[in-house]
Amino acid sequence: MTAVSQKKLRPLRGLVVIPSLLLAGIAQQTCLAQSADPIAPKPAAPGESQNVPAWLHYIALELKKIRLELIEERSEKRQAGLSDLEHELQLIRDQQREIEEEQSAEAREPTEIDSQLAQPGISKEQREELEARKADLLAAGPSRFTGPRAALAQREAQARERIAAEQQRIQILAQQAQDLAPAMK
């Protein structure tokens, strides 16, 4: 070997040592944890060769377990987000119901004013106030509710879209978890 090629190999030796030390540490940790995990392969006795395929299979299973736990955690967070979105949608519906009730009450009010105006003992001043109120109500009509109703309808549509997207994400996570479950055997 030339001096140049030796210099090139020296850094590589260091890089090889670090992963080897990491693998040795992992193997040592897994050997210590074997009493807790009956699936882990038994360590090789002195003089025996390590059962590499068994260890690789064990590590692959452990990685799949971790992946499944992460998927389940993400799914739980998405479920919480979905619950928040459904709560938001319910609040929008409540606001829509309040507007409908208010509009309905205002629609009934001119009829109530007419019945008050029909009473014989009403003063001229009260009559003028009631007629002015009725004129204001009829002039405003249901148009004053158009803006808030449209805004709520838009918010409702957006909330429904977000709910549908969140449900789709949750289904994808459930499918990923289902696909991963048989591979863990």
C-alpha atoms as a PDB file:
ATOM      1  CA  MET A   1       0.000   0.000   0.000  1.00  0.00           C
ATOM      2  CA  THR A   2       1.178   3.461  -0.759  1.00  0.00           C
ATOM      3  CA  ALA A   3       1.282   6.257   1.761  1.00  0.00           C
ATOM      4  CA  VAL A   4      -1.554   8.056  -0.016  1.00  0.00           C
ATOM      5  CA  SER A   5      -3.892   5.049   0.097  1.00  0.00           C
ATOM      6  CA  GLN A   6      -3.073   4.497   3.776  1.00  0.00           C
ATOM      7  CA  LYS A   7      -4.091   8.079   4.577  1.00  0.00           C
ATOM      8  CA  LYS A   8      -7.375   7.560   2.768  1.00  0.00           C
ATOM      9  CA  LEU A   9      -8.115   4.403   4.764  1.00  0.00           C
ATOM     10  CA  ARG A  10      -7.417   5.861   8.188  1.00  0.00           C
ATOM     11  CA  PRO A  11     -10.569   7.998   8.352  1.00  0.00           C
ATOM     12  CA  LEU A  12     -12.593   5.049   7.095  1.00  0.00           C
ATOM     13  CA  ARG A  13     -11.313   2.889   9.902  1.00  0.00           C
ATOM     14  CA  GLY A  14     -12.643   5.422  12.394  1.00  0.00           C
ATOM     15  CA  LEU A  15     -16.010   5.446  10.696  1.00  0.00           C
ATOM     16  CA  VAL A  16     -16.190   1.678  10.804  1.00  0.00           C
ATOM     17  CA  VAL A  17     -15.293   1.578  14.489  1.00  0.00           C
ATOM     18  CA  ILE A  18     -18.099   3.902  15.558  1.00  0.00           C
ATOM     19  CA  PRO A  19     -20.953   1.859  14.021  1.00  0.00           C
ATOM     20  CA  SER A  20     -19.326  -1.303  15.311  1.00  0.00           C
ATOM     21  CA  LEU A  21     -19.248   0.153  18.804  1.00  0.00           C
ATOM     22  CA  LEU A  22     -22.876   1.232  18.469  1.00  0.00           C
ATOM     23  CA  LEU A  23     -23.919  -2.247  17.335  1.00  0.00           C
ATOM     24  CA  ALA A  24     -21.947  -3.789  20.177  1.00  0.00           C
ATOM     25  CA  GLY A  25     -23.692  -1.430  22.614  1.00  0.00           C
ATOM     26  CA  ILE A  26     -27.088  -2.316  21.163  1.00  0.00           C
ATOM     27  CA  ALA A  27     -26.282  -6.001  21.362  1.00  0.00           C
ATOM     28  CA  GLN A  28     -25.173  -5.570  24.955  1.00  0.00           C
ATOM     29  CA  GLN A  29     -28.356  -3.683  25.834  1.00  0.00           C
ATOM     30  CA  THR A  30     -30.508  -6.285  24.136  1.00  0.00           C
ATOM     31  CA  CYS A  31     -28.675  -9.045  25.963  1.00  0.00           C
ATOM     32  CA  LEU A  32     -29.403  -7.255  29.227  1.00  0.00           C
ATOM     33  CA  ALA A  33     -33.029  -6.790  28.204  1.00  0.00           C
ATOM     34  CA  GLN A  34     -33.520 -10.396  27.169  1.00  0.00           C
ATOM     35  CA  SER A  35     -34.967 -11.349  30.488  1.00  0.00           C
ATOM     36  CA  ALA A  36     -37.714  -8.789  29.802  1.00  0.00           C
ATOM     37  CA  ASP A  37     -38.264  -9.857  26.169  1.00  0.00           C
ATOM     38  CA  PRO A  38     -38.659 -13.594  25.573  1.00  0.00           C
ATOM     39  CA  ILE A  39     -38.667 -13.075  21.795  1.00  0.00           C
ATOM     40  CA  ALA A  40     -35.079 -11.808  21.706  1.00  0.00           C
ATOM     41  CA  PRO A  41     -32.538 -14.370  20.478  1.00  0.00           C
ATOM     42  CA  LYS A  42     -30.299 -15.919  23.073  1.00  0.00           C
ATOM     43  CA  PRO A  43     -26.744 -14.581  23.152  1.00  0.00           C
ATOM     44  CA  ALA A  44     -24.109 -16.850  21.734  1.00  0.00           C
ATOM     45  CA  ALA A  45     -22.096 -18.852  24.192  1.00  0.00           C
ATOM     46  CA  PRO A  46     -18.353 -18.297  24.212  1.00  0.00           C
ATOM     47  CA  GLY A  47     -16.888 -19.905  21.135  1.00  0.00           C
ATOM     48  CA  GLU A  48     -20.206 -19.954  19.243  1.00  0.00           C
ATOM     49  CA  SER A  49     -21.004 -17.661  16.359  1.00  0.00           C
ATOM     50  CA  GLN A  50     -23.760 -15.079  16.742  1.00  0.00           C
ATOM     51  CA  ASN A  51     -27.115 -15.898  15.191  1.00  0.00           C
ATOM     52  CA  VAL A  52     -27.163 -12.819  12.927  1.00  0.00           C
ATOM     53  CA  PRO A  53     -30.405 -13.588  11.035  1.00  0.00           C
ATOM     54  CA  ALA A  54     -32.263 -14.067  14.317  1.00  0.00           C
ATOM     55  CA  TRP A  55     -30.926 -10.771  15.642  1.00  0.00           C
ATOM     56  CA  LEU A  56     -31.812  -8.962  12.436  1.00  0.00           C
ATOM     57  CA  HIS A  57     -35.322 -10.391  12.588  1.00  0.00           C
ATOM     58  CA  TYR A  58     -35.631  -9.341  16.225  1.00  0.00           C
ATOM     59  CA  ILE A  59     -34.427  -5.801  15.477  1.00  0.00           C
ATOM     60  CA  ALA A  60     -36.803  -5.572  12.513  1.00  0.00           C
ATOM     61  CA  LEU A  61     -39.698  -6.595  14.769  1.00  0.00           C
ATOM     62  CA  GLU A  62     -38.700  -4.014  17.355  1.00  0.00           C
ATOM     63  CA  LEU A  63     -38.555  -1.312  14.676  1.00  0.00           C
ATOM     64  CA  LYS A  64     -42.008  -2.338  13.460  1.00  0.00           C
ATOM     65  CA  LYS A  65     -43.329  -2.112  17.019  1.00  0.00           C
ATOM     66  CA  ILE A  66     -41.918   1.383  17.342  1.00  0.00           C
ATOM     67  CA  ARG A  67     -43.412   2.354  13.979  1.00  0.00           C
ATOM     68  CA  LEU A  68     -46.805   0.991  15.072  1.00  0.00           C
ATOM     69  CA  GLU A  69     -46.623   2.944  18.342  1.00  0.00           C
ATOM     70  CA  LEU A  70     -45.822   6.120  16.398  1.00  0.00           C
ATOM     71  CA  ILE A  71     -48.739   5.519  14.046  1.00  0.00           C
ATOM     72  CA  GLU A  72     -51.064   4.937  16.993  1.00  0.00           C
ATOM     73  CA  GLU A  73     -49.832   8.118  18.683  1.00  0.00           C
ATOM     74  CA  ARG A  74     -50.368  10.142  15.505  1.00  0.00           C
ATOM     75  CA  SER A  75     -53.830   8.621  15.167  1.00  0.00           C
ATOM     76  CA  GLU A  76     -54.715   9.615  18.740  1.00  0.00           C
ATOM     77  CA  LYS A  77     -53.587  13.194  18.064  1.00  0.00           C
ATOM     78  CA  ARG A  78     -55.638  13.269  14.857  1.00  0.00           C
ATOM     79  CA  GLN A  79     -58.659  11.945  16.777  1.00  0.00           C
ATOM     80  CA  ALA A  80     -58.268  14.779  19.284  1.00  0.00           C
ATOM     81  CA  GLY A  81     -58.039  17.266  16.422  1.00  0.00           C
ATOM     82  CA  LEU A  82     -61.134  15.732  14.841  1.00  0.00           C
ATOM     83  CA  SER A  83     -62.986  16.109  18.115  1.00  0.00           C
ATOM     84  CA  ASP A  84     -62.011  19.796  18.239  1.00  0.00           C
ATOM     85  CA  LEU A  85     -63.226  20.295  14.665  1.00  0.00           C
ATOM     86  CA  GLU A  86     -66.536  18.594  15.427  1.00  0.00           C
ATOM     87  CA  HIS A  87     -66.925  20.856  18.466  1.00  0.00           C
ATOM     88  CA  GLU A  88     -66.248  23.890  16.252  1.00  0.00           C
ATOM     89  CA  LEU A  89     -68.883  22.684  13.781  1.00  0.00           C
ATOM     90  CA  GLN A  90     -71.396  22.304  16.613  1.00  0.00           C
ATOM     91  CA  LEU A  91     -70.699  25.887  17.735  1.00  0.00           C
ATOM     92  CA  ILE A  92     -71.319  27.114  14.176  1.00  0.00           C
ATOM     93  CA  ARG A  93     -74.612  25.211  14.075  1.00  0.00           C
ATOM     94  CA  ASP A  94     -75.613  26.749  17.398  1.00  0.00           C
ATOM     95  CA  GLN A  95     -74.887  30.224  16.032  1.00  0.00           C
ATOM     96  CA  GLN A  96     -76.948  29.448  12.930  1.00  0.00           C
ATOM     97  CA  ARG A  97     -79.829  28.301  15.119  1.00  0.00           C
ATOM     98  CA  GLU A  98     -79.614  31.523  17.174  1.00  0.00           C
ATOM     99  CA  ILE A  99     -79.798  33.625  14.003  1.00  0.00           C
ATOM    100  CA  GLU A 100     -82.802  31.630  12.784  1.00  0.00           C
ATOM    101  CA  GLU A 101     -84.565  32.111  16.119  1.00  0.00           C
ATOM    102  CA  GLU A 102     -83.796  35.827  16.114  1.00  0.00           C
ATOM    103  CA  GLN A 103     -85.049  36.181  12.549  1.00  0.00           C
ATOM    104  CA  SER A 104     -88.188  34.235  13.373  1.00  0.00           C
ATOM    105  CA  ALA A 105     -88.845  36.440  16.405  1.00  0.00           C
ATOM    106  CA  GLU A 106     -88.394  39.561  14.279  1.00  0.00           C
ATOM    107  CA  ALA A 107     -90.772  38.169  11.666  1.00  0.00           C
ATOM    108  CA  ARG A 108     -93.437  37.678  14.343  1.00  0.00           C
ATOM    109  CA  GLU A 109     -92.927  41.107  15.890  1.00  0.00           C
ATOM    110  CA  PRO A 110     -94.899  43.136  13.249  1.00  0.00           C
ATOM    111  CA  THR A 111     -97.891  40.869  13.872  1.00  0.00           C
ATOM    112  CA  GLU A 112     -97.566  41.453  17.612  1.00  0.00           C
ATOM    113  CA  ILE A 113     -97.323  45.208  17.007  1.00  0.00           C
ATOM    114  CA  ASP A 114    -100.494  45.039  14.895  1.00  0.00           C
ATOM    115  CA  SER A 115    -102.316  43.319  17.748  1.00  0.00           C
ATOM    116  CA  GLN A 116    -101.120  46.015  20.166  1.00  0.00           C
ATOM    117  CA  LEU A 117    -102.204  48.751  17.745  1.00  0.00           C
ATOM    118  CA  ALA A 118    -105.663  47.166  17.574  1.00  0.00           C
ATOM    119  CA  GLN A 119    -106.181  47.636  21.302  1.00  0.00           C
ATOM    120  CA  PRO A 120    -108.592  50.509  21.989  1.00  0.00           C
ATOM    121  CA  GLY A 121    -106.894  52.141  24.987  1.00  0.00           C
ATOM    122  CA  ILE A 122    -103.529  52.900  23.381  1.00  0.00           C
ATOM    123  CA  SER A 123    -102.236  56.483  23.527  1.00  0.00           C
ATOM    124  CA  LYS A 124    -101.272  58.477  20.461  1.00  0.00           C
ATOM    125  CA  GLU A 125     -97.616  58.550  21.594  1.00  0.00           C
ATOM    126  CA  GLN A 126     -97.508  54.741  22.066  1.00  0.00           C
ATOM    127  CA  ARG A 127     -99.224  54.281  18.688  1.00  0.00           C
ATOM    128  CA  GLU A 128     -96.555  56.420  16.978  1.00  0.00           C
ATOM    129  CA  GLU A 129     -93.743  54.486  18.689  1.00  0.00           C
ATOM    130  CA  LEU A 130     -95.247  51.132  17.692  1.00  0.00           C
ATOM    131  CA  GLU A 131     -95.838  52.257  14.106  1.00  0.00           C
ATOM    132  CA  ALA A 132     -92.236  53.538  13.891  1.00  0.00           C
ATOM    133  CA  ARG A 133     -90.939  50.237  15.267  1.00  0.00           C
ATOM    134  CA  LYS A 134     -93.040  48.295  12.776  1.00  0.00           C
ATOM    135  CA  ALA A 135     -91.798  50.446   9.902  1.00  0.00           C
ATOM    136  CA  ASP A 136     -88.183  49.879  10.990  1.00  0.00           C
ATOM    137  CA  LEU A 137     -88.724  46.123  11.165  1.00  0.00           C
ATOM    138  CA  LEU A 138     -90.384  45.970   7.768  1.00  0.00           C
ATOM    139  CA  ALA A 139     -87.690  48.180   6.203  1.00  0.00           C
ATOM    140  CA  ALA A 140     -84.840  46.075   7.593  1.00  0.00           C
ATOM    141  CA  GLY A 141     -86.558  42.796   6.852  1.00  0.00           C
ATOM    142  CA  PRO A 142     -84.577  39.584   6.712  1.00  0.00           C
ATOM    143  CA  SER A 143     -81.751  41.255   4.745  1.00  0.00           C
ATOM    144  CA  ARG A 144     -79.841  42.143   7.898  1.00  0.00           C
ATOM    145  CA  PHE A 145     -79.394  38.414   8.551  1.00  0.00           C
ATOM    146  CA  THR A 146     -77.995  37.678   5.095  1.00  0.00           C
ATOM    147  CA  GLY A 147     -74.385  38.632   5.903  1.00  0.00           C
ATOM    148  CA  PRO A 148     -74.069  36.670   9.142  1.00  0.00           C
ATOM    149  CA  ARG A 149     -75.841  33.666   7.614  1.00  0.00           C
ATOM    150  CA  ALA A 150     -73.499  33.640   4.610  1.00  0.00           C
ATOM    151  CA  ALA A 151     -70.435  33.933   6.862  1.00  0.00           C
ATOM    152  CA  LEU A 152     -71.631  31.059   9.039  1.00  0.00           C
ATOM    153  CA  ALA A 153     -72.441  28.949   5.996  1.00  0.00           C
ATOM    154  CA  GLN A 154     -68.913  29.509   4.699  1.00  0.00           C
ATOM    155  CA  ARG A 155     -67.384  28.644   8.086  1.00  0.00           C
ATOM    156  CA  GLU A 156     -69.540  25.518   8.227  1.00  0.00           C
ATOM    157  CA  ALA A 157     -68.387  24.418   4.760  1.00  0.00           C
ATOM    158  CA  GLN A 158     -64.749  24.975   5.716  1.00  0.00           C
ATOM    159  CA  ALA A 159     -65.182  23.062   8.965  1.00  0.00           C
ATOM    160  CA  ARG A 160     -66.809  20.170   7.099  1.00  0.00           C
ATOM    161  CA  GLU A 161     -63.909  20.099   4.624  1.00  0.00           C
ATOM    162  CA  ARG A 162     -61.372  20.043   7.452  1.00  0.00           C
ATOM    163  CA  ILE A 163     -63.333  17.267   9.189  1.00  0.00           C
ATOM    164  CA  ALA A 164     -63.415  15.198   5.997  1.00  0.00           C
ATOM    165  CA  ALA A 165     -59.662  15.703   5.475  1.00  0.00           C
ATOM    166  CA  GLU A 166     -58.946  14.745   9.091  1.00  0.00           C
ATOM    167  CA  GLN A 167     -61.118  11.636   8.812  1.00  0.00           C
ATOM    168  CA  GLN A 168     -59.245  10.648   5.675  1.00  0.00           C
ATOM    169  CA  ARG A 169     -55.888  11.084   7.447  1.00  0.00           C
ATOM    170  CA  ILE A 170     -57.131   8.947  10.330  1.00  0.00           C
ATOM    171  CA  GLN A 171     -58.233   6.237   7.884  1.00  0.00           C
ATOM    172  CA  ILE A 172     -54.800   6.295   6.250  1.00  0.00           C
ATOM    173  CA  LEU A 173     -53.136   5.880   9.648  1.00  0.00           C
ATOM    174  CA  ALA A 174     -55.508   3.041  10.528  1.00  0.00           C
ATOM    175  CA  GLN A 175     -54.674   1.341   7.225  1.00  0.00           C
ATOM    176  CA  GLN A 176     -50.942   1.768   7.893  1.00  0.00           C
ATOM    177  CA  ALA A 177     -51.365   0.238  11.335  1.00  0.00           C
ATOM    178  CA  GLN A 178     -53.415  -2.617   9.896  1.00  0.00           C
ATOM    179  CA  ASP A 179     -50.805  -3.241   7.199  1.00  0.00           C
ATOM    180  CA  LEU A 180     -48.028  -3.238   9.777  1.00  0.00           C
ATOM    181  CA  ALA A 181     -49.749  -5.555  12.283  1.00  0.00           C
ATOM    182  CA  PRO A 182     -49.376  -8.818  10.283  1.00  0.00           C
ATOM    183  CA  ALA A 183     -45.727  -8.016   9.569  1.00  0.00           C
ATOM    184  CA  MET A 184     -45.001  -8.084  13.299  1.00  0.00           C
ATOM    185  CA  LYS A 185     -45.464 -11.828  13.579  1.00  0.00           C
END
